Amino acid sequence: MATTTISPRQALPSPNQILSLGPNLPKPIEPKPRFGKYL
C-alpha cells in the first residue's frame, strides 16, 4: 500500500514520505553555507 496520506496517529509524515518528496520540502535545520562562512 502506498502511504500517501498521513494517518491521524501520525503527527509528522513518515521518513519515506519525506525522502520521496525530496527537494519539494524545505530543509528546516540546514542553512546553506554562504561563501564558506558556515564551514
PDB file of N, CA and C in Angstrom:
ATOM      1  N   MET A   1       0.839  -1.213   0.000  1.00  0.00           N
ATOM      2  CA  MET A   1       0.000   0.000   0.000  1.00  0.00           C
ATOM      3  C   MET A   1       0.870   1.257   0.000  1.00  0.00           C
ATOM      4  N   ALA A   2       0.503   2.214  -0.808  1.00  0.00           N
ATOM      5  CA  ALA A   2       1.254   3.474  -0.856  1.00  0.00           C
ATOM      6  C   ALA A   2       0.734   4.406   0.220  1.00  0.00           C
ATOM      7  N   THR A   3       1.644   4.794   1.106  1.00  0.00           N
ATOM      8  CA  THR A   3       1.221   5.672   2.202  1.00  0.00           C
ATOM      9  C   THR A   3       1.371   7.121   1.784  1.00  0.00           C
ATOM     10  N   THR A   4       0.351   7.606   1.069  1.00  0.00           N
ATOM     11  CA  THR A   4       0.407   8.989   0.581  1.00  0.00           C
ATOM     12  C   THR A   4      -0.327   9.919   1.533  1.00  0.00           C
ATOM     13  N   THR A   5      -1.181   9.346   2.377  1.00  0.00           N
ATOM     14  CA  THR A   5      -1.925  10.178   3.324  1.00  0.00           C
ATOM     15  C   THR A   5      -1.389   9.965   4.731  1.00  0.00           C
ATOM     16  N   ILE A   6      -1.452  11.007   5.540  1.00  0.00           N
ATOM     17  CA  ILE A   6      -0.960  10.921   6.915  1.00  0.00           C
ATOM     18  C   ILE A   6      -2.084  10.402   7.811  1.00  0.00           C
ATOM     19  N   SER A   7      -1.822   9.326   8.528  1.00  0.00           N
ATOM     20  CA  SER A   7      -2.837   8.773   9.415  1.00  0.00           C
ATOM     21  C   SER A   7      -2.998   9.677  10.635  1.00  0.00           C
ATOM     22  N   PRO A   8      -4.174   9.664  11.254  1.00  0.00           N
ATOM     23  CA  PRO A   8      -4.443  10.533  12.414  1.00  0.00           C
ATOM     24  C   PRO A   8      -3.463  10.288  13.564  1.00  0.00           C
ATOM     25  N   ARG A   9      -2.894   9.088  13.603  1.00  0.00           N
ATOM     26  CA  ARG A   9      -1.978   8.771  14.699  1.00  0.00           C
ATOM     27  C   ARG A   9      -0.602   9.377  14.460  1.00  0.00           C
ATOM     28  N   GLN A  10      -0.317   9.767  13.214  1.00  0.00           N
ATOM     29  CA  GLN A  10       0.987  10.334  12.904  1.00  0.00           C
ATOM     30  C   GLN A  10       0.902  11.854  12.830  1.00  0.00           C
ATOM     31  N   ALA A  11       1.626  12.517  13.720  1.00  0.00           N
ATOM     32  CA  ALA A  11       1.626  13.981  13.701  1.00  0.00           C
ATOM     33  C   ALA A  11       2.565  14.481  12.605  1.00  0.00           C
ATOM     34  N   LEU A  12       3.597  13.699  12.313  1.00  0.00           N
ATOM     35  CA  LEU A  12       4.551  14.064  11.273  1.00  0.00           C
ATOM     36  C   LEU A  12       4.541  13.007  10.175  1.00  0.00           C
ATOM     37  N   PRO A  13       4.845  13.402   8.939  1.00  0.00           N
ATOM     38  CA  PRO A  13       4.907  12.445   7.836  1.00  0.00           C
ATOM     39  C   PRO A  13       6.043  11.458   8.054  1.00  0.00           C
ATOM     40  N   SER A  14       5.901  10.266   7.530  1.00  0.00           N
ATOM     41  CA  SER A  14       6.920   9.235   7.719  1.00  0.00           C
ATOM     42  C   SER A  14       8.180   9.599   6.936  1.00  0.00           C
ATOM     43  N   PRO A  15       9.339   9.079   7.369  1.00  0.00           N
ATOM     44  CA  PRO A  15      10.608   9.342   6.673  1.00  0.00           C
ATOM     45  C   PRO A  15      10.545   8.980   5.196  1.00  0.00           C
ATOM     46  N   ASN A  16       9.779   7.941   4.867  1.00  0.00           N
ATOM     47  CA  ASN A  16       9.649   7.537   3.462  1.00  0.00           C
ATOM     48  C   ASN A  16       8.973   8.628   2.642  1.00  0.00           C
ATOM     49  N   GLN A  17       7.985   9.289   3.244  1.00  0.00           N
ATOM     50  CA  GLN A  17       7.294  10.364   2.537  1.00  0.00           C
ATOM     51  C   GLN A  17       8.225  11.554   2.345  1.00  0.00           C
ATOM     52  N   ILE A  18       9.035  11.843   3.365  1.00  0.00           N
ATOM     53  CA  ILE A  18       9.965  12.968   3.281  1.00  0.00           C
ATOM     54  C   ILE A  18      11.009  12.703   2.202  1.00  0.00           C
ATOM     55  N   LEU A  19      11.504  11.453   2.138  1.00  0.00           N
ATOM     56  CA  LEU A  19      12.516  11.113   1.145  1.00  0.00           C
ATOM     57  C   LEU A  19      11.921  11.141  -0.259  1.00  0.00           C
ATOM     58  N   SER A  20      10.662  10.744  -0.373  1.00  0.00           N
ATOM     59  CA  SER A  20      10.031  10.713  -1.694  1.00  0.00           C
ATOM     60  C   SER A  20       9.771  12.132  -2.203  1.00  0.00           C
ATOM     61  N   LEU A  21       9.460  13.049  -1.271  1.00  0.00           N
ATOM     62  CA  LEU A  21       9.220  14.439  -1.671  1.00  0.00           C
ATOM     63  C   LEU A  21      10.532  15.121  -2.036  1.00  0.00           C
ATOM     64  N   GLY A  22      11.560  14.836  -1.245  1.00  0.00           N
ATOM     65  CA  GLY A  22      12.894  15.359  -1.537  1.00  0.00           C
ATOM     66  C   GLY A  22      12.948  16.878  -1.579  1.00  0.00           C
ATOM     67  N   PRO A  23      13.336  17.445  -2.735  1.00  0.00           N
ATOM     68  CA  PRO A  23      13.535  18.894  -2.861  1.00  0.00           C
ATOM     69  C   PRO A  23      12.242  19.695  -2.739  1.00  0.00           C
ATOM     70  N   ASN A  24      11.095  19.010  -2.754  1.00  0.00           N
ATOM     71  CA  ASN A  24       9.821  19.720  -2.616  1.00  0.00           C
ATOM     72  C   ASN A  24       9.648  20.280  -1.207  1.00  0.00           C
ATOM     73  N   LEU A  25      10.324  19.646  -0.227  1.00  0.00           N
ATOM     74  CA  LEU A  25      10.244  20.132   1.143  1.00  0.00           C
ATOM     75  C   LEU A  25      11.472  20.976   1.468  1.00  0.00           C
ATOM     76  N   PRO A  26      11.274  22.115   2.114  1.00  0.00           N
ATOM     77  CA  PRO A  26      12.405  22.951   2.536  1.00  0.00           C
ATOM     78  C   PRO A  26      13.127  22.293   3.703  1.00  0.00           C
ATOM     79  N   LYS A  27      14.443  22.377   3.721  1.00  0.00           N
ATOM     80  CA  LYS A  27      15.201  21.780   4.820  1.00  0.00           C
ATOM     81  C   LYS A  27      15.144  22.713   6.026  1.00  0.00           C
ATOM     82  N   PRO A  28      14.540  22.263   7.125  1.00  0.00           N
ATOM     83  CA  PRO A  28      14.299  23.131   8.277  1.00  0.00           C
ATOM     84  C   PRO A  28      15.572  23.581   8.991  1.00  0.00           C
ATOM     85  N   ILE A  29      16.400  22.628   9.401  1.00  0.00           N
ATOM     86  CA  ILE A  29      17.564  22.989  10.201  1.00  0.00           C
ATOM     87  C   ILE A  29      18.836  22.692   9.424  1.00  0.00           C
ATOM     88  N   GLU A  30      18.953  23.308   8.261  1.00  0.00           N
ATOM     89  CA  GLU A  30      20.160  23.102   7.452  1.00  0.00           C
ATOM     90  C   GLU A  30      20.375  24.320   6.550  1.00  0.00           C
ATOM     91  N   PRO A  31      20.940  25.398   7.111  1.00  0.00           N
ATOM     92  CA  PRO A  31      21.166  26.614   6.335  1.00  0.00           C
ATOM     93  C   PRO A  31      22.219  26.397   5.273  1.00  0.00           C
ATOM     94  N   LYS A  32      22.041  27.034   4.122  1.00  0.00           N
ATOM     95  CA  LYS A  32      23.011  26.888   3.046  1.00  0.00           C
ATOM     96  C   LYS A  32      24.267  27.708   3.371  1.00  0.00           C
ATOM     97  N   PRO A  33      25.442  27.109   3.238  1.00  0.00           N
ATOM     98  CA  PRO A  33      26.691  27.820   3.516  1.00  0.00           C
ATOM     99  C   PRO A  33      26.919  28.954   2.524  1.00  0.00           C
ATOM    100  N   ARG A  34      27.107  30.173   3.029  1.00  0.00           N
ATOM    101  CA  ARG A  34      27.330  31.320   2.149  1.00  0.00           C
ATOM    102  C   ARG A  34      28.810  31.672   2.159  1.00  0.00           C
ATOM    103  N   PHE A  35      29.445  31.472   1.023  1.00  0.00           N
ATOM    104  CA  PHE A  35      30.856  31.804   0.869  1.00  0.00           C
ATOM    105  C   PHE A  35      31.730  31.096   1.903  1.00  0.00           C
ATOM    106  N   GLY A  36      31.264  29.926   2.375  1.00  0.00           N
ATOM    107  CA  GLY A  36      32.069  29.130   3.300  1.00  0.00           C
ATOM    108  C   GLY A  36      32.103  29.688   4.707  1.00  0.00           C
ATOM    109  N   LYS A  37      31.154  30.565   5.042  1.00  0.00           N
ATOM    110  CA  LYS A  37      31.157  31.135   6.393  1.00  0.00           C
ATOM    111  C   LYS A  37      30.773  30.079   7.432  1.00  0.00           C
ATOM    112  N   TYR A  38      29.852  29.161   7.034  1.00  0.00           N
ATOM    113  CA  TYR A  38      29.372  28.170   8.000  1.00  0.00           C
ATOM    114  C   TYR A  38      30.247  26.932   8.038  1.00  0.00           C
ATOM    115  N   LEU A  39      31.289  26.897   7.207  1.00  0.00           N
ATOM    116  CA  LEU A  39      32.137  25.712   7.177  1.00  0.00           C
ATOM    117  C   LEU A  39      33.162  25.763   8.296  1.00  0.00           C
TER     118      LEU A  39
END
